Amino acid sequence: MWYNNILETVGNTPLVKLNKIPAEHGIKATVLAKIETTNPGNSIKDRMAVKMIEDA
């Protein structure tokens, strides 16, 4: 997959199921972690920056 510009790569970050941590603590729920480091700036702040650019 390719993108037209860097702004299109922000967001839609993957969710990853955590298996070991919940099991070690006796948690019977599905625990997911959002991997924001897949954004170009490695941060959730990328989403806010894109929103400011779009609103300008």
PDB file of N, CA and C in Angstrom:
ATOM      1  N   MET A   1       0.839  -1.175   0.000  1.00  0.00           N
ATOM      2  CA  MET A   1       0.000   0.000   0.000  1.00  0.00           C
ATOM      3  C   MET A   1       0.885   1.240   0.000  1.00  0.00           C
ATOM      4  N   TRP A   2       0.465   2.269  -0.730  1.00  0.00           N
ATOM      5  CA  TRP A   2       1.204   3.527  -0.729  1.00  0.00           C
ATOM      6  C   TRP A   2       0.238   4.671  -0.464  1.00  0.00           C
ATOM      7  N   TYR A   3       0.777   5.783  -0.021  1.00  0.00           N
ATOM      8  CA  TYR A   3      -0.010   6.956   0.351  1.00  0.00           C
ATOM      9  C   TYR A   3       0.413   8.153  -0.485  1.00  0.00           C
ATOM     10  N   ASN A   4      -0.500   9.095  -0.654  1.00  0.00           N
ATOM     11  CA  ASN A   4      -0.214  10.304  -1.428  1.00  0.00           C
ATOM     12  C   ASN A   4       0.659  11.291  -0.674  1.00  0.00           C
ATOM     13  N   ASN A   5       0.561  11.281   0.657  1.00  0.00           N
ATOM     14  CA  ASN A   5       1.382  12.179   1.473  1.00  0.00           C
ATOM     15  C   ASN A   5       1.460  11.634   2.892  1.00  0.00           C
ATOM     16  N   ILE A   6       2.332  12.225   3.689  1.00  0.00           N
ATOM     17  CA  ILE A   6       2.583  11.730   5.052  1.00  0.00           C
ATOM     18  C   ILE A   6       1.350  11.851   5.945  1.00  0.00           C
ATOM     19  N   LEU A   7       0.489  12.828   5.679  1.00  0.00           N
ATOM     20  CA  LEU A   7      -0.700  13.015   6.514  1.00  0.00           C
ATOM     21  C   LEU A   7      -1.645  11.819   6.432  1.00  0.00           C
ATOM     22  N   GLU A   8      -1.663  11.144   5.316  1.00  0.00           N
ATOM     23  CA  GLU A   8      -2.531   9.978   5.162  1.00  0.00           C
ATOM     24  C   GLU A   8      -2.087   8.786   6.013  1.00  0.00           C
ATOM     25  N   THR A   9      -0.863   8.812   6.490  1.00  0.00           N
ATOM     26  CA  THR A   9      -0.365   7.686   7.286  1.00  0.00           C
ATOM     27  C   THR A   9      -0.709   7.817   8.765  1.00  0.00           C
ATOM     28  N   VAL A  10      -1.222   8.980   9.173  1.00  0.00           N
ATOM     29  CA  VAL A  10      -1.532   9.219  10.585  1.00  0.00           C
ATOM     30  C   VAL A  10      -2.872   8.582  10.926  1.00  0.00           C
ATOM     31  N   GLY A  11      -2.940   7.943  12.072  1.00  0.00           N
ATOM     32  CA  GLY A  11      -4.173   7.321  12.530  1.00  0.00           C
ATOM     33  C   GLY A  11      -4.260   5.868  12.094  1.00  0.00           C
ATOM     34  N   ASN A  12      -5.396   5.266  12.387  1.00  0.00           N
ATOM     35  CA  ASN A  12      -5.617   3.853  12.073  1.00  0.00           C
ATOM     36  C   ASN A  12      -4.471   2.984  12.572  1.00  0.00           C
ATOM     37  N   THR A  13      -3.982   3.319  13.752  1.00  0.00           N
ATOM     38  CA  THR A  13      -2.888   2.551  14.336  1.00  0.00           C
ATOM     39  C   THR A  13      -3.411   1.195  14.820  1.00  0.00           C
ATOM     40  N   PRO A  14      -2.578   0.176  14.777  1.00  0.00           N
ATOM     41  CA  PRO A  14      -3.044  -1.168  15.114  1.00  0.00           C
ATOM     42  C   PRO A  14      -3.282  -1.373  16.610  1.00  0.00           C
ATOM     43  N   LEU A  15      -4.217  -2.269  16.895  1.00  0.00           N
ATOM     44  CA  LEU A  15      -4.447  -2.749  18.257  1.00  0.00           C
ATOM     45  C   LEU A  15      -3.815  -4.129  18.359  1.00  0.00           C
ATOM     46  N   VAL A  16      -3.102  -4.363  19.449  1.00  0.00           N
ATOM     47  CA  VAL A  16      -2.439  -5.646  19.661  1.00  0.00           C
ATOM     48  C   VAL A  16      -2.949  -6.242  20.967  1.00  0.00           C
ATOM     49  N   LYS A  17      -3.350  -7.501  20.919  1.00  0.00           N
ATOM     50  CA  LYS A  17      -3.839  -8.186  22.115  1.00  0.00           C
ATOM     51  C   LYS A  17      -2.670  -8.512  23.033  1.00  0.00           C
ATOM     52  N   LEU A  18      -2.824  -8.142  24.308  1.00  0.00           N
ATOM     53  CA  LEU A  18      -1.820  -8.481  25.313  1.00  0.00           C
ATOM     54  C   LEU A  18      -2.215  -9.808  25.942  1.00  0.00           C
ATOM     55  N   ASN A  19      -1.338 -10.758  25.935  1.00  0.00           N
ATOM     56  CA  ASN A  19      -1.634 -12.078  26.484  1.00  0.00           C
ATOM     57  C   ASN A  19      -0.967 -12.306  27.835  1.00  0.00           C
ATOM     58  N   LYS A  20       0.300 -11.999  27.934  1.00  0.00           N
ATOM     59  CA  LYS A  20       1.082 -12.330  29.125  1.00  0.00           C
ATOM     60  C   LYS A  20       0.672 -11.507  30.348  1.00  0.00           C
ATOM     61  N   ILE A  21       0.542 -10.210  30.193  1.00  0.00           N
ATOM     62  CA  ILE A  21       0.247  -9.336  31.343  1.00  0.00           C
ATOM     63  C   ILE A  21      -1.088  -9.687  32.000  1.00  0.00           C
ATOM     64  N   PRO A  22      -2.195  -9.794  31.241  1.00  0.00           N
ATOM     65  CA  PRO A  22      -3.455 -10.169  31.896  1.00  0.00           C
ATOM     66  C   PRO A  22      -3.381 -11.541  32.576  1.00  0.00           C
ATOM     67  N   ALA A  23      -2.728 -12.502  31.932  1.00  0.00           N
ATOM     68  CA  ALA A  23      -2.620 -13.848  32.507  1.00  0.00           C
ATOM     69  C   ALA A  23      -1.848 -13.827  33.819  1.00  0.00           C
ATOM     70  N   GLU A  24      -0.777 -13.033  33.874  1.00  0.00           N
ATOM     71  CA  GLU A  24       0.033 -12.951  35.096  1.00  0.00           C
ATOM     72  C   GLU A  24      -0.726 -12.334  36.259  1.00  0.00           C
ATOM     73  N   HIS A  25      -1.724 -11.513  35.955  1.00  0.00           N
ATOM     74  CA  HIS A  25      -2.474 -10.820  37.001  1.00  0.00           C
ATOM     75  C   HIS A  25      -3.877 -11.390  37.190  1.00  0.00           C
ATOM     76  N   GLY A  26      -4.159 -12.510  36.573  1.00  0.00           N
ATOM     77  CA  GLY A  26      -5.450 -13.164  36.738  1.00  0.00           C
ATOM     78  C   GLY A  26      -6.607 -12.410  36.104  1.00  0.00           C
ATOM     79  N   ILE A  27      -6.332 -11.573  35.131  1.00  0.00           N
ATOM     80  CA  ILE A  27      -7.377 -10.798  34.458  1.00  0.00           C
ATOM     81  C   ILE A  27      -8.002 -11.668  33.377  1.00  0.00           C
ATOM     82  N   LYS A  28      -9.320 -11.786  33.400  1.00  0.00           N
ATOM     83  CA  LYS A  28     -10.021 -12.651  32.458  1.00  0.00           C
ATOM     84  C   LYS A  28     -10.602 -11.874  31.278  1.00  0.00           C
ATOM     85  N   ALA A  29     -10.224 -10.626  31.131  1.00  0.00           N
ATOM     86  CA  ALA A  29     -10.723  -9.791  30.032  1.00  0.00           C
ATOM     87  C   ALA A  29      -9.710  -9.760  28.891  1.00  0.00           C
ATOM     88  N   THR A  30     -10.185  -9.396  27.718  1.00  0.00           N
ATOM     89  CA  THR A  30      -9.288  -9.160  26.591  1.00  0.00           C
ATOM     90  C   THR A  30      -8.704  -7.764  26.757  1.00  0.00           C
ATOM     91  N   VAL A  31      -7.396  -7.663  26.785  1.00  0.00           N
ATOM     92  CA  VAL A  31      -6.714  -6.377  26.957  1.00  0.00           C
ATOM     93  C   VAL A  31      -5.964  -6.067  25.663  1.00  0.00           C
ATOM     94  N   LEU A  32      -6.245  -4.887  25.116  1.00  0.00           N
ATOM     95  CA  LEU A  32      -5.621  -4.468  23.866  1.00  0.00           C
ATOM     96  C   LEU A  32      -4.759  -3.239  24.099  1.00  0.00           C
ATOM     97  N   ALA A  33      -3.660  -3.143  23.367  1.00  0.00           N
ATOM     98  CA  ALA A  33      -2.784  -1.969  23.426  1.00  0.00           C
ATOM     99  C   ALA A  33      -2.761  -1.331  22.041  1.00  0.00           C
ATOM    100  N   LYS A  34      -2.899  -0.015  22.006  1.00  0.00           N
ATOM    101  CA  LYS A  34      -2.856   0.718  20.745  1.00  0.00           C
ATOM    102  C   LYS A  34      -1.411   1.135  20.487  1.00  0.00           C
ATOM    103  N   ILE A  35      -0.879   0.795  19.342  1.00  0.00           N
ATOM    104  CA  ILE A  35       0.524   1.033  19.023  1.00  0.00           C
ATOM    105  C   ILE A  35       0.657   2.353  18.251  1.00  0.00           C
ATOM    106  N   GLU A  36       0.741   3.457  19.000  1.00  0.00           N
ATOM    107  CA  GLU A  36       0.810   4.786  18.391  1.00  0.00           C
ATOM    108  C   GLU A  36       2.161   5.067  17.744  1.00  0.00           C
ATOM    109  N   THR A  37       3.162   4.263  18.033  1.00  0.00           N
ATOM    110  CA  THR A  37       4.487   4.523  17.455  1.00  0.00           C
ATOM    111  C   THR A  37       4.540   4.230  15.962  1.00  0.00           C
ATOM    112  N   THR A  38       3.451   3.698  15.401  1.00  0.00           N
ATOM    113  CA  THR A  38       3.423   3.506  13.952  1.00  0.00           C
ATOM    114  C   THR A  38       3.060   4.790  13.221  1.00  0.00           C
ATOM    115  N   ASN A  39       2.702   5.849  13.968  1.00  0.00           N
ATOM    116  CA  ASN A  39       2.490   7.159  13.355  1.00  0.00           C
ATOM    117  C   ASN A  39       3.840   7.734  12.940  1.00  0.00           C
ATOM    118  N   PRO A  40       3.874   8.626  11.946  1.00  0.00           N
ATOM    119  CA  PRO A  40       5.151   9.174  11.462  1.00  0.00           C
ATOM    120  C   PRO A  40       6.014   9.811  12.550  1.00  0.00           C
ATOM    121  N   GLY A  41       5.392  10.488  13.512  1.00  0.00           N
ATOM    122  CA  GLY A  41       6.150  11.131  14.590  1.00  0.00           C
ATOM    123  C   GLY A  41       6.250  10.271  15.835  1.00  0.00           C
ATOM    124  N   ASN A  42       5.836   9.010  15.736  1.00  0.00           N
ATOM    125  CA  ASN A  42       5.868   8.054  16.858  1.00  0.00           C
ATOM    126  C   ASN A  42       5.055   8.505  18.056  1.00  0.00           C
ATOM    127  N   SER A  43       3.953   9.229  17.823  1.00  0.00           N
ATOM    128  CA  SER A  43       3.209   9.802  18.934  1.00  0.00           C
ATOM    129  C   SER A  43       1.740   9.979  18.575  1.00  0.00           C
ATOM    130  N   ILE A  44       0.887   9.954  19.605  1.00  0.00           N
ATOM    131  CA  ILE A  44      -0.531  10.261  19.429  1.00  0.00           C
ATOM    132  C   ILE A  44      -0.711  11.729  19.046  1.00  0.00           C
ATOM    133  N   LYS A  45       0.293  12.555  19.315  1.00  0.00           N
ATOM    134  CA  LYS A  45       0.216  13.984  18.985  1.00  0.00           C
ATOM    135  C   LYS A  45       0.109  14.206  17.483  1.00  0.00           C
ATOM    136  N   ASP A  46       0.487  13.230  16.686  1.00  0.00           N
ATOM    137  CA  ASP A  46       0.362  13.344  15.233  1.00  0.00           C
ATOM    138  C   ASP A  46      -1.093  13.566  14.834  1.00  0.00           C
ATOM    139  N   ARG A  47      -2.014  12.915  15.538  1.00  0.00           N
ATOM    140  CA  ARG A  47      -3.440  13.065  15.228  1.00  0.00           C
ATOM    141  C   ARG A  47      -3.890  14.508  15.433  1.00  0.00           C
ATOM    142  N   MET A  48      -3.445  15.122  16.537  1.00  0.00           N
ATOM    143  CA  MET A  48      -3.808  16.512  16.815  1.00  0.00           C
ATOM    144  C   MET A  48      -3.210  17.447  15.773  1.00  0.00           C
ATOM    145  N   ALA A  49      -1.993  17.173  15.360  1.00  0.00           N
ATOM    146  CA  ALA A  49      -1.330  18.016  14.360  1.00  0.00           C
ATOM    147  C   ALA A  49      -2.071  17.959  13.027  1.00  0.00           C
ATOM    148  N   VAL A  50      -2.490  16.774  12.616  1.00  0.00           N
ATOM    149  CA  VAL A  50      -3.234  16.641  11.365  1.00  0.00           C
ATOM    150  C   VAL A  50      -4.551  17.397  11.457  1.00  0.00           C
ATOM    151  N   LYS A  51      -5.230  17.297  12.585  1.00  0.00           N
ATOM    152  CA  LYS A  51      -6.508  18.002  12.769  1.00  0.00           C
ATOM    153  C   LYS A  51      -6.306  19.508  12.652  1.00  0.00           C
ATOM    154  N   MET A  52      -5.244  20.042  13.248  1.00  0.00           N
ATOM    155  CA  MET A  52      -4.971  21.481  13.160  1.00  0.00           C
ATOM    156  C   MET A  52      -4.689  21.892  11.718  1.00  0.00           C
ATOM    157  N   ILE A  53      -3.964  21.063  10.987  1.00  0.00           N
ATOM    158  CA  ILE A  53      -3.663  21.367   9.583  1.00  0.00           C
ATOM    159  C   ILE A  53      -4.947  21.350   8.756  1.00  0.00           C
ATOM    160  N   GLU A  54      -5.791  20.359   8.986  1.00  0.00           N
ATOM    161  CA  GLU A  54      -7.046  20.261   8.237  1.00  0.00           C
ATOM    162  C   GLU A  54      -7.978  21.432   8.532  1.00  0.00           C
ATOM    163  N   ASP A  55      -7.987  21.909   9.777  1.00  0.00           N
ATOM    164  CA  ASP A  55      -8.873  23.008  10.170  1.00  0.00           C
ATOM    165  C   ASP A  55      -8.350  24.379   9.754  1.00  0.00           C
ATOM    166  N   ALA A  56      -7.073  24.461   9.391  1.00  0.00           N
ATOM    167  CA  ALA A  56      -6.472  25.768   9.049  1.00  0.00           C
ATOM    168  C   ALA A  56      -6.934  26.251   7.686  1.00  0.00           C
TER     169      ALA A  56
END
